[in-house]
Amino acid sequence: MDNVLVVNYTYIADPDAIAEHRPAHRDFLRGLADEGLLVLSGPLAPGVGQPDAGLLVFRSDSPEAVLAKLADDPFQRQGIVAHVEVRGWTPVLGAWLDKVSD
């Protein structure tokens, strides 16, 4: 099985820019899902005092390869992503486990 990597995007505080570029961002991510690289993605609910953010789950052995792919994300190209964090993740239980370990 490939490694599972979790990417946390933290966005700038510009809801209008986020809304404007969201369709292109989602189309881009849909392409990564079609490639079998992206397993799950979606926005995180706002936290108290926290910026808008998104969570992406990938199947990949290389954080560098994921970061290289994400460099073409319209959100990144438009400066909407303020910070990217990539971490390995070892899922062990849950209904979605089959989605990340196929």
PDB file of N, CA and C in Angstrom:
ATOM      1  N   MET A   1       0.833  -1.180   0.000  1.00  0.00           N
ATOM      2  CA  MET A   1       0.000   0.000   0.000  1.00  0.00           C
ATOM      3  C   MET A   1       0.877   1.241   0.000  1.00  0.00           C
ATOM      4  N   ASP A   2       0.471   2.235  -0.763  1.00  0.00           N
ATOM      5  CA  ASP A   2       1.145   3.525  -0.717  1.00  0.00           C
ATOM      6  C   ASP A   2       0.963   4.144   0.651  1.00  0.00           C
ATOM      7  N   ASN A   3       1.829   5.077   0.954  1.00  0.00           N
ATOM      8  CA  ASN A   3       1.657   5.857   2.175  1.00  0.00           C
ATOM      9  C   ASN A   3       0.451   6.768   2.026  1.00  0.00           C
ATOM     10  N   VAL A   4      -0.128   7.110   3.135  1.00  0.00           N
ATOM     11  CA  VAL A   4      -1.215   8.072   3.158  1.00  0.00           C
ATOM     12  C   VAL A   4      -0.638   9.372   3.689  1.00  0.00           C
ATOM     13  N   LEU A   5      -0.856  10.440   2.952  1.00  0.00           N
ATOM     14  CA  LEU A   5      -0.392  11.761   3.345  1.00  0.00           C
ATOM     15  C   LEU A   5      -1.588  12.677   3.520  1.00  0.00           C
ATOM     16  N   VAL A   6      -1.570  13.459   4.579  1.00  0.00           N
ATOM     17  CA  VAL A   6      -2.620  14.425   4.847  1.00  0.00           C
ATOM     18  C   VAL A   6      -2.026  15.821   4.638  1.00  0.00           C
ATOM     19  N   VAL A   7      -2.714  16.614   3.847  1.00  0.00           N
ATOM     20  CA  VAL A   7      -2.273  17.975   3.564  1.00  0.00           C
ATOM     21  C   VAL A   7      -3.281  18.930   4.186  1.00  0.00           C
ATOM     22  N   ASN A   8      -2.772  19.866   4.967  1.00  0.00           N
ATOM     23  CA  ASN A   8      -3.607  20.908   5.543  1.00  0.00           C
ATOM     24  C   ASN A   8      -3.257  22.212   4.848  1.00  0.00           C
ATOM     25  N   TYR A   9      -4.240  22.783   4.178  1.00  0.00           N
ATOM     26  CA  TYR A   9      -4.108  24.106   3.571  1.00  0.00           C
ATOM     27  C   TYR A   9      -4.672  25.128   4.550  1.00  0.00           C
ATOM     28  N   THR A  10      -3.949  26.190   4.805  1.00  0.00           N
ATOM     29  CA  THR A  10      -4.483  27.336   5.535  1.00  0.00           C
ATOM     30  C   THR A  10      -4.611  28.467   4.532  1.00  0.00           C
ATOM     31  N   TYR A  11      -5.777  29.088   4.485  1.00  0.00           N
ATOM     32  CA  TYR A  11      -6.071  30.108   3.476  1.00  0.00           C
ATOM     33  C   TYR A  11      -5.888  31.521   4.007  1.00  0.00           C
ATOM     34  N   ILE A  12      -5.694  32.437   3.100  1.00  0.00           N
ATOM     35  CA  ILE A  12      -5.657  33.848   3.448  1.00  0.00           C
ATOM     36  C   ILE A  12      -7.066  34.296   3.847  1.00  0.00           C
ATOM     37  N   ALA A  13      -7.144  35.421   4.506  1.00  0.00           N
ATOM     38  CA  ALA A  13      -8.442  35.941   4.964  1.00  0.00           C
ATOM     39  C   ALA A  13      -9.074  36.790   3.868  1.00  0.00           C
ATOM     40  N   ASP A  14      -9.493  36.114   2.788  1.00  0.00           N
ATOM     41  CA  ASP A  14     -10.122  36.818   1.666  1.00  0.00           C
ATOM     42  C   ASP A  14     -11.222  35.929   1.088  1.00  0.00           C
ATOM     43  N   PRO A  15     -12.407  35.917   1.718  1.00  0.00           N
ATOM     44  CA  PRO A  15     -13.477  35.028   1.267  1.00  0.00           C
ATOM     45  C   PRO A  15     -13.896  35.256  -0.181  1.00  0.00           C
ATOM     46  N   ASP A  16     -13.800  36.488  -0.656  1.00  0.00           N
ATOM     47  CA  ASP A  16     -14.174  36.760  -2.049  1.00  0.00           C
ATOM     48  C   ASP A  16     -13.218  36.069  -3.023  1.00  0.00           C
ATOM     49  N   ALA A  17     -11.920  36.135  -2.757  1.00  0.00           N
ATOM     50  CA  ALA A  17     -10.942  35.471  -3.623  1.00  0.00           C
ATOM     51  C   ALA A  17     -11.112  33.959  -3.559  1.00  0.00           C
ATOM     52  N   ILE A  18     -11.370  33.448  -2.366  1.00  0.00           N
ATOM     53  CA  ILE A  18     -11.587  32.008  -2.220  1.00  0.00           C
ATOM     54  C   ILE A  18     -12.793  31.580  -3.055  1.00  0.00           C
ATOM     55  N   ALA A  19     -13.890  32.311  -2.938  1.00  0.00           N
ATOM     56  CA  ALA A  19     -15.099  31.972  -3.700  1.00  0.00           C
ATOM     57  C   ALA A  19     -14.863  32.092  -5.199  1.00  0.00           C
ATOM     58  N   GLU A  20     -14.129  33.109  -5.620  1.00  0.00           N
ATOM     59  CA  GLU A  20     -13.874  33.322  -7.050  1.00  0.00           C
ATOM     60  C   GLU A  20     -13.090  32.172  -7.671  1.00  0.00           C
ATOM     61  N   HIS A  21     -12.100  31.669  -6.955  1.00  0.00           N
ATOM     62  CA  HIS A  21     -11.205  30.660  -7.530  1.00  0.00           C
ATOM     63  C   HIS A  21     -11.559  29.229  -7.119  1.00  0.00           C
ATOM     64  N   ARG A  22     -12.591  29.071  -6.278  1.00  0.00           N
ATOM     65  CA  ARG A  22     -12.986  27.730  -5.818  1.00  0.00           C
ATOM     66  C   ARG A  22     -13.335  26.778  -6.974  1.00  0.00           C
ATOM     67  N   PRO A  23     -14.097  27.197  -7.999  1.00  0.00           N
ATOM     68  CA  PRO A  23     -14.406  26.242  -9.080  1.00  0.00           C
ATOM     69  C   PRO A  23     -13.153  25.697  -9.770  1.00  0.00           C
ATOM     70  N   ALA A  24     -12.185  26.550 -10.043  1.00  0.00           N
ATOM     71  CA  ALA A  24     -10.950  26.081 -10.696  1.00  0.00           C
ATOM     72  C   ALA A  24     -10.163  25.181  -9.753  1.00  0.00           C
ATOM     73  N   HIS A  25     -10.134  25.524  -8.479  1.00  0.00           N
ATOM     74  CA  HIS A  25      -9.459  24.713  -7.463  1.00  0.00           C
ATOM     75  C   HIS A  25     -10.082  23.316  -7.406  1.00  0.00           C
ATOM     76  N   ARG A  26     -11.409  23.266  -7.383  1.00  0.00           N
ATOM     77  CA  ARG A  26     -12.081  21.959  -7.303  1.00  0.00           C
ATOM     78  C   ARG A  26     -11.898  21.157  -8.582  1.00  0.00           C
ATOM     79  N   ASP A  27     -11.894  21.804  -9.725  1.00  0.00           N
ATOM     80  CA  ASP A  27     -11.614  21.097 -10.981  1.00  0.00           C
ATOM     81  C   ASP A  27     -10.217  20.501 -10.961  1.00  0.00           C
ATOM     82  N   PHE A  28      -9.264  21.272 -10.469  1.00  0.00           N
ATOM     83  CA  PHE A  28      -7.886  20.787 -10.362  1.00  0.00           C
ATOM     84  C   PHE A  28      -7.826  19.559  -9.451  1.00  0.00           C
ATOM     85  N   LEU A  29      -8.457  19.652  -8.277  1.00  0.00           N
ATOM     86  CA  LEU A  29      -8.444  18.523  -7.348  1.00  0.00           C
ATOM     87  C   LEU A  29      -9.173  17.312  -7.917  1.00  0.00           C
ATOM     88  N   ARG A  30     -10.239  17.555  -8.680  1.00  0.00           N
ATOM     89  CA  ARG A  30     -10.953  16.450  -9.329  1.00  0.00           C
ATOM     90  C   ARG A  30     -10.004  15.686 -10.259  1.00  0.00           C
ATOM     91  N   GLY A  31      -9.130  16.402 -10.936  1.00  0.00           N
ATOM     92  CA  GLY A  31      -8.131  15.754 -11.791  1.00  0.00           C
ATOM     93  C   GLY A  31      -7.180  14.877 -10.997  1.00  0.00           C
ATOM     94  N   LEU A  32      -6.756  15.351  -9.819  1.00  0.00           N
ATOM     95  CA  LEU A  32      -5.884  14.529  -8.970  1.00  0.00           C
ATOM     96  C   LEU A  32      -6.618  13.294  -8.463  1.00  0.00           C
ATOM     97  N   ALA A  33      -7.910  13.439  -8.187  1.00  0.00           N
ATOM     98  CA  ALA A  33      -8.712  12.288  -7.764  1.00  0.00           C
ATOM     99  C   ALA A  33      -8.845  11.295  -8.915  1.00  0.00           C
ATOM    100  N   ASP A  34      -9.056  11.794 -10.133  1.00  0.00           N
ATOM    101  CA  ASP A  34      -9.160  10.919 -11.297  1.00  0.00           C
ATOM    102  C   ASP A  34      -7.867  10.151 -11.538  1.00  0.00           C
ATOM    103  N   GLU A  35      -6.729  10.754 -11.179  1.00  0.00           N
ATOM    104  CA  GLU A  35      -5.429  10.077 -11.300  1.00  0.00           C
ATOM    105  C   GLU A  35      -5.236   9.012 -10.225  1.00  0.00           C
ATOM    106  N   GLY A  36      -6.087   9.018  -9.198  1.00  0.00           N
ATOM    107  CA  GLY A  36      -5.951   8.080  -8.101  1.00  0.00           C
ATOM    108  C   GLY A  36      -5.031   8.575  -6.999  1.00  0.00           C
ATOM    109  N   LEU A  37      -4.571   9.810  -7.108  1.00  0.00           N
ATOM    110  CA  LEU A  37      -3.661  10.370  -6.116  1.00  0.00           C
ATOM    111  C   LEU A  37      -4.420  10.941  -4.916  1.00  0.00           C
ATOM    112  N   LEU A  38      -5.469  11.707  -5.184  1.00  0.00           N
ATOM    113  CA  LEU A  38      -6.268  12.325  -4.126  1.00  0.00           C
ATOM    114  C   LEU A  38      -7.401  11.392  -3.733  1.00  0.00           C
ATOM    115  N   VAL A  39      -7.515  11.110  -2.439  1.00  0.00           N
ATOM    116  CA  VAL A  39      -8.542  10.199  -1.934  1.00  0.00           C
ATOM    117  C   VAL A  39      -9.758  10.965  -1.422  1.00  0.00           C
ATOM    118  N   LEU A  40      -9.523  12.008  -0.641  1.00  0.00           N
ATOM    119  CA  LEU A  40     -10.588  12.816  -0.044  1.00  0.00           C
ATOM    120  C   LEU A  40     -10.115  14.257   0.037  1.00  0.00           C
ATOM    121  N   SER A  41     -11.051  15.186  -0.037  1.00  0.00           N
ATOM    122  CA  SER A  41     -10.699  16.589   0.200  1.00  0.00           C
ATOM    123  C   SER A  41     -11.943  17.356   0.593  1.00  0.00           C
ATOM    124  N   GLY A  42     -11.730  18.482   1.257  1.00  0.00           N
ATOM    125  CA  GLY A  42     -12.844  19.343   1.606  1.00  0.00           C
ATOM    126  C   GLY A  42     -12.427  20.418   2.578  1.00  0.00           C
ATOM    127  N   PRO A  43     -13.277  21.439   2.692  1.00  0.00           N
ATOM    128  CA  PRO A  43     -12.973  22.529   3.615  1.00  0.00           C
ATOM    129  C   PRO A  43     -13.162  22.081   5.055  1.00  0.00           C
ATOM    130  N   LEU A  44     -12.352  22.657   5.929  1.00  0.00           N
ATOM    131  CA  LEU A  44     -12.526  22.432   7.362  1.00  0.00           C
ATOM    132  C   LEU A  44     -13.503  23.471   7.900  1.00  0.00           C
ATOM    133  N   ALA A  45     -14.320  23.076   8.847  1.00  0.00           N
ATOM    134  CA  ALA A  45     -15.248  24.014   9.477  1.00  0.00           C
ATOM    135  C   ALA A  45     -14.448  25.101  10.188  1.00  0.00           C
ATOM    136  N   PRO A  46     -14.963  26.314  10.171  1.00  0.00           N
ATOM    137  CA  PRO A  46     -14.240  27.393  10.846  1.00  0.00           C
ATOM    138  C   PRO A  46     -14.067  27.096  12.332  1.00  0.00           C
ATOM    139  N   GLY A  47     -12.878  27.387  12.834  1.00  0.00           N
ATOM    140  CA  GLY A  47     -12.611  27.264  14.261  1.00  0.00           C
ATOM    141  C   GLY A  47     -12.584  28.642  14.883  1.00  0.00           C
ATOM    142  N   VAL A  48     -12.740  28.700  16.173  1.00  0.00           N
ATOM    143  CA  VAL A  48     -12.710  29.984  16.869  1.00  0.00           C
ATOM    144  C   VAL A  48     -11.314  30.584  16.725  1.00  0.00           C
ATOM    145  N   GLY A  49     -11.252  31.732  16.092  1.00  0.00           N
ATOM    146  CA  GLY A  49      -9.971  32.406  15.898  1.00  0.00           C
ATOM    147  C   GLY A  49      -9.057  31.752  14.892  1.00  0.00           C
ATOM    148  N   GLN A  50      -9.568  30.803  14.125  1.00  0.00           N
ATOM    149  CA  GLN A  50      -8.753  30.082  13.141  1.00  0.00           C
ATOM    150  C   GLN A  50      -9.072  30.564  11.733  1.00  0.00           C
ATOM    151  N   PRO A  51      -8.072  30.584  10.848  1.00  0.00           N
ATOM    152  CA  PRO A  51      -8.335  30.958   9.460  1.00  0.00           C
ATOM    153  C   PRO A  51      -9.063  29.838   8.722  1.00  0.00           C
ATOM    154  N   ASP A  52      -9.647  30.181   7.580  1.00  0.00           N
ATOM    155  CA  ASP A  52     -10.239  29.154   6.727  1.00  0.00           C
ATOM    156  C   ASP A  52      -9.151  28.164   6.324  1.00  0.00           C
ATOM    157  N   ALA A  53      -9.553  26.903   6.139  1.00  0.00           N
ATOM    158  CA  ALA A  53      -8.581  25.859   5.854  1.00  0.00           C
ATOM    159  C   ALA A  53      -9.240  24.734   5.085  1.00  0.00           C
ATOM    160  N   GLY A  54      -8.423  23.880   4.505  1.00  0.00           N
ATOM    161  CA  GLY A  54      -8.900  22.698   3.803  1.00  0.00           C
ATOM    162  C   GLY A  54      -8.019  21.509   4.145  1.00  0.00           C
ATOM    163  N   LEU A  55      -8.585  20.326   4.029  1.00  0.00           N
ATOM    164  CA  LEU A  55      -7.867  19.090   4.317  1.00  0.00           C
ATOM    165  C   LEU A  55      -7.927  18.198   3.088  1.00  0.00           C
ATOM    166  N   LEU A  56      -6.780  17.665   2.705  1.00  0.00           N
ATOM    167  CA  LEU A  56      -6.680  16.795   1.536  1.00  0.00           C
ATOM    168  C   LEU A  56      -5.953  15.522   1.944  1.00  0.00           C
ATOM    169  N   VAL A  57      -6.454  14.373   1.511  1.00  0.00           N
ATOM    170  CA  VAL A  57      -5.845  13.084   1.833  1.00  0.00           C
ATOM    171  C   VAL A  57      -5.369  12.452   0.524  1.00  0.00           C
ATOM    172  N   PHE A  58      -4.085  12.102   0.496  1.00  0.00           N
ATOM    173  CA  PHE A  58      -3.453  11.552  -0.707  1.00  0.00           C
ATOM    174  C   PHE A  58      -2.904  10.165  -0.452  1.00  0.00           C
ATOM    175  N   ARG A  59      -2.824   9.393  -1.520  1.00  0.00           N
ATOM    176  CA  ARG A  59      -2.058   8.147  -1.550  1.00  0.00           C
ATOM    177  C   ARG A  59      -0.783   8.456  -2.298  1.00  0.00           C
ATOM    178  N   SER A  60       0.343   8.393  -1.604  1.00  0.00           N
ATOM    179  CA  SER A  60       1.619   8.668  -2.251  1.00  0.00           C
ATOM    180  C   SER A  60       2.746   8.258  -1.325  1.00  0.00           C
ATOM    181  N   ASP A  61       3.850   7.863  -1.912  1.00  0.00           N
ATOM    182  CA  ASP A  61       5.044   7.547  -1.134  1.00  0.00           C
ATOM    183  C   ASP A  61       5.935   8.766  -0.963  1.00  0.00           C
ATOM    184  N   SER A  62       5.552   9.890  -1.570  1.00  0.00           N
ATOM    185  CA  SER A  62       6.449  11.032  -1.590  1.00  0.00           C
ATOM    186  C   SER A  62       5.741  12.348  -1.275  1.00  0.00           C
ATOM    187  N   PRO A  63       6.032  12.923  -0.107  1.00  0.00           N
ATOM    188  CA  PRO A  63       5.487  14.253   0.178  1.00  0.00           C
ATOM    189  C   PRO A  63       5.922  15.279  -0.869  1.00  0.00           C
ATOM    190  N   GLU A  64       7.142  15.133  -1.346  1.00  0.00           N
ATOM    191  CA  GLU A  64       7.655  16.067  -2.355  1.00  0.00           C
ATOM    192  C   GLU A  64       6.859  15.990  -3.648  1.00  0.00           C
ATOM    193  N   ALA A  65       6.463  14.785  -4.049  1.00  0.00           N
ATOM    194  CA  ALA A  65       5.667  14.638  -5.275  1.00  0.00           C
ATOM    195  C   ALA A  65       4.289  15.269  -5.103  1.00  0.00           C
ATOM    196  N   VAL A  66       3.696  15.108  -3.928  1.00  0.00           N
ATOM    197  CA  VAL A  66       2.394  15.727  -3.667  1.00  0.00           C
ATOM    198  C   VAL A  66       2.526  17.245  -3.694  1.00  0.00           C
ATOM    199  N   LEU A  67       3.541  17.760  -3.035  1.00  0.00           N
ATOM    200  CA  LEU A  67       3.745  19.213  -3.034  1.00  0.00           C
ATOM    201  C   LEU A  67       3.991  19.747  -4.443  1.00  0.00           C
ATOM    202  N   ALA A  68       4.724  18.992  -5.251  1.00  0.00           N
ATOM    203  CA  ALA A  68       4.970  19.420  -6.630  1.00  0.00           C
ATOM    204  C   ALA A  68       3.672  19.473  -7.425  1.00  0.00           C
ATOM    205  N   LYS A  69       2.819  18.472  -7.255  1.00  0.00           N
ATOM    206  CA  LYS A  69       1.517  18.479  -7.931  1.00  0.00           C
ATOM    207  C   LYS A  69       0.674  19.656  -7.464  1.00  0.00           C
ATOM    208  N   LEU A  70       0.645  19.896  -6.152  1.00  0.00           N
ATOM    209  CA  LEU A  70      -0.187  20.954  -5.598  1.00  0.00           C
ATOM    210  C   LEU A  70       0.293  22.350  -5.975  1.00  0.00           C
ATOM    211  N   ALA A  71       1.527  22.474  -6.405  1.00  0.00           N
ATOM    212  CA  ALA A  71       2.036  23.784  -6.831  1.00  0.00           C
ATOM    213  C   ALA A  71       1.225  24.339  -8.000  1.00  0.00           C
ATOM    214  N   ASP A  72       0.563  23.456  -8.755  1.00  0.00           N
ATOM    215  CA  ASP A  72      -0.267  23.884  -9.886  1.00  0.00           C
ATOM    216  C   ASP A  72      -1.716  24.162  -9.502  1.00  0.00           C
ATOM    217  N   ASP A  73      -2.061  23.980  -8.224  1.00  0.00           N
ATOM    218  CA  ASP A  73      -3.416  24.248  -7.754  1.00  0.00           C
ATOM    219  C   ASP A  73      -3.724  25.734  -7.953  1.00  0.00           C
ATOM    220  N   PRO A  74      -4.844  26.070  -8.583  1.00  0.00           N
ATOM    221  CA  PRO A  74      -5.198  27.485  -8.746  1.00  0.00           C
ATOM    222  C   PRO A  74      -5.203  28.264  -7.430  1.00  0.00           C
ATOM    223  N   PHE A  75      -5.584  27.641  -6.340  1.00  0.00           N
ATOM    224  CA  PHE A  75      -5.531  28.336  -5.052  1.00  0.00           C
ATOM    225  C   PHE A  75      -4.093  28.744  -4.716  1.00  0.00           C
ATOM    226  N   GLN A  76      -3.137  27.878  -5.016  1.00  0.00           N
ATOM    227  CA  GLN A  76      -1.742  28.235  -4.749  1.00  0.00           C
ATOM    228  C   GLN A  76      -1.248  29.281  -5.749  1.00  0.00           C
ATOM    229  N   ARG A  77      -1.576  29.099  -7.004  1.00  0.00           N
ATOM    230  CA  ARG A  77      -1.135  30.061  -8.023  1.00  0.00           C
ATOM    231  C   ARG A  77      -1.699  31.458  -7.786  1.00  0.00           C
ATOM    232  N   GLN A  78      -2.884  31.554  -7.189  1.00  0.00           N
ATOM    233  CA  GLN A  78      -3.523  32.845  -6.923  1.00  0.00           C
ATOM    234  C   GLN A  78      -3.158  33.405  -5.543  1.00  0.00           C
ATOM    235  N   GLY A  79      -2.302  32.719  -4.797  1.00  0.00           N
ATOM    236  CA  GLY A  79      -1.867  33.207  -3.494  1.00  0.00           C
ATOM    237  C   GLY A  79      -2.899  33.046  -2.391  1.00  0.00           C
ATOM    238  N   ILE A  80      -3.862  32.163  -2.580  1.00  0.00           N
ATOM    239  CA  ILE A  80      -4.916  31.953  -1.591  1.00  0.00           C
ATOM    240  C   ILE A  80      -4.448  31.045  -0.455  1.00  0.00           C
ATOM    241  N   VAL A  81      -3.513  30.164  -0.742  1.00  0.00           N
ATOM    242  CA  VAL A  81      -2.982  29.272   0.283  1.00  0.00           C
ATOM    243  C   VAL A  81      -1.842  29.998   1.000  1.00  0.00           C
ATOM    244  N   ALA A  82      -2.056  30.266   2.283  1.00  0.00           N
ATOM    245  CA  ALA A  82      -1.045  30.956   3.081  1.00  0.00           C
ATOM    246  C   ALA A  82      -0.005  29.985   3.637  1.00  0.00           C
ATOM    247  N   HIS A  83      -0.435  28.736   3.890  1.00  0.00           N
ATOM    248  CA  HIS A  83       0.466  27.753   4.489  1.00  0.00           C
ATOM    249  C   HIS A  83       0.025  26.353   4.071  1.00  0.00           C
ATOM    250  N   VAL A  84       1.011  25.499   3.793  1.00  0.00           N
ATOM    251  CA  VAL A  84       0.757  24.097   3.454  1.00  0.00           C
ATOM    252  C   VAL A  84       1.521  23.228   4.442  1.00  0.00           C
ATOM    253  N   GLU A  85       0.811  22.299   5.046  1.00  0.00           N
ATOM    254  CA  GLU A  85       1.439  21.336   5.949  1.00  0.00           C
ATOM    255  C   GLU A  85       1.153  19.936   5.413  1.00  0.00           C
ATOM    256  N   VAL A  86       2.199  19.123   5.284  1.00  0.00           N
ATOM    257  CA  VAL A  86       2.053  17.739   4.816  1.00  0.00           C
ATOM    258  C   VAL A  86       2.556  16.811   5.918  1.00  0.00           C
ATOM    259  N   ARG A  87       1.723  15.822   6.234  1.00  0.00           N
ATOM    260  CA  ARG A  87       2.109  14.843   7.248  1.00  0.00           C
ATOM    261  C   ARG A  87       1.708  13.451   6.787  1.00  0.00           C
ATOM    262  N   GLY A  88       2.537  12.491   7.138  1.00  0.00           N
ATOM    263  CA  GLY A  88       2.157  11.105   6.933  1.00  0.00           C
ATOM    264  C   GLY A  88       1.076  10.729   7.929  1.00  0.00           C
ATOM    265  N   TRP A  89       0.234   9.805   7.525  1.00  0.00           N
ATOM    266  CA  TRP A  89      -0.861   9.367   8.390  1.00  0.00           C
ATOM    267  C   TRP A  89      -1.006   7.866   8.252  1.00  0.00           C
ATOM    268  N   THR A  90      -1.229   7.180   9.367  1.00  0.00           N
ATOM    269  CA  THR A  90      -1.421   5.740   9.361  1.00  0.00           C
ATOM    270  C   THR A  90      -2.832   5.440   9.855  1.00  0.00           C
ATOM    271  N   PRO A  91      -3.809   5.385   8.938  1.00  0.00           N
ATOM    272  CA  PRO A  91      -5.169   5.040   9.364  1.00  0.00           C
ATOM    273  C   PRO A  91      -5.220   3.566   9.770  1.00  0.00           C
ATOM    274  N   VAL A  92      -5.908   3.292  10.880  1.00  0.00           N
ATOM    275  CA  VAL A  92      -5.990   1.916  11.351  1.00  0.00           C
ATOM    276  C   VAL A  92      -7.415   1.410  11.513  1.00  0.00           C
ATOM    277  N   LEU A  93      -8.387   2.303  11.703  1.00  0.00           N
ATOM    278  CA  LEU A  93      -9.772   1.893  11.896  1.00  0.00           C
ATOM    279  C   LEU A  93     -10.702   2.865  11.193  1.00  0.00           C
ATOM    280  N   GLY A  94     -11.855   2.364  10.776  1.00  0.00           N
ATOM    281  CA  GLY A  94     -12.894   3.241  10.254  1.00  0.00           C
ATOM    282  C   GLY A  94     -13.411   2.821   8.903  1.00  0.00           C
ATOM    283  N   ALA A  95     -14.619   3.306   8.614  1.00  0.00           N
ATOM    284  CA  ALA A  95     -15.316   2.940   7.376  1.00  0.00           C
ATOM    285  C   ALA A  95     -14.599   3.447   6.133  1.00  0.00           C
ATOM    286  N   TRP A  96     -13.838   4.521   6.256  1.00  0.00           N
ATOM    287  CA  TRP A  96     -13.157   5.084   5.079  1.00  0.00           C
ATOM    288  C   TRP A  96     -11.812   4.419   4.824  1.00  0.00           C
ATOM    289  N   LEU A  97     -11.415   3.519   5.681  1.00  0.00           N
ATOM    290  CA  LEU A  97     -10.101   2.899   5.549  1.00  0.00           C
ATOM    291  C   LEU A  97      -9.912   2.256   4.179  1.00  0.00           C
ATOM    292  N   ASP A  98     -10.951   1.594   3.650  1.00  0.00           N
ATOM    293  CA  ASP A  98     -10.837   0.973   2.340  1.00  0.00           C
ATOM    294  C   ASP A  98     -10.529   2.010   1.257  1.00  0.00           C
ATOM    295  N   LYS A  99     -11.021   3.239   1.423  1.00  0.00           N
ATOM    296  CA  LYS A  99     -10.802   4.296   0.422  1.00  0.00           C
ATOM    297  C   LYS A  99      -9.334   4.674   0.323  1.00  0.00           C
ATOM    298  N   VAL A 100      -8.607   4.630   1.426  1.00  0.00           N
ATOM    299  CA  VAL A 100      -7.211   5.037   1.403  1.00  0.00           C
ATOM    300  C   VAL A 100      -6.253   3.864   1.260  1.00  0.00           C
ATOM    301  N   SER A 101      -6.770   2.638   1.374  1.00  0.00           N
ATOM    302  CA  SER A 101      -5.860   1.492   1.312  1.00  0.00           C
ATOM    303  C   SER A 101      -6.114   0.585   0.117  1.00  0.00           C
ATOM    304  N   ASP A 102      -7.015   0.955  -0.791  1.00  0.00           N
ATOM    305  CA  ASP A 102      -7.268   0.129  -1.993  1.00  0.00           C
ATOM    306  C   ASP A 102      -5.994  -0.036  -2.804  1.00  0.00           C
TER     307      ASP A 102
END
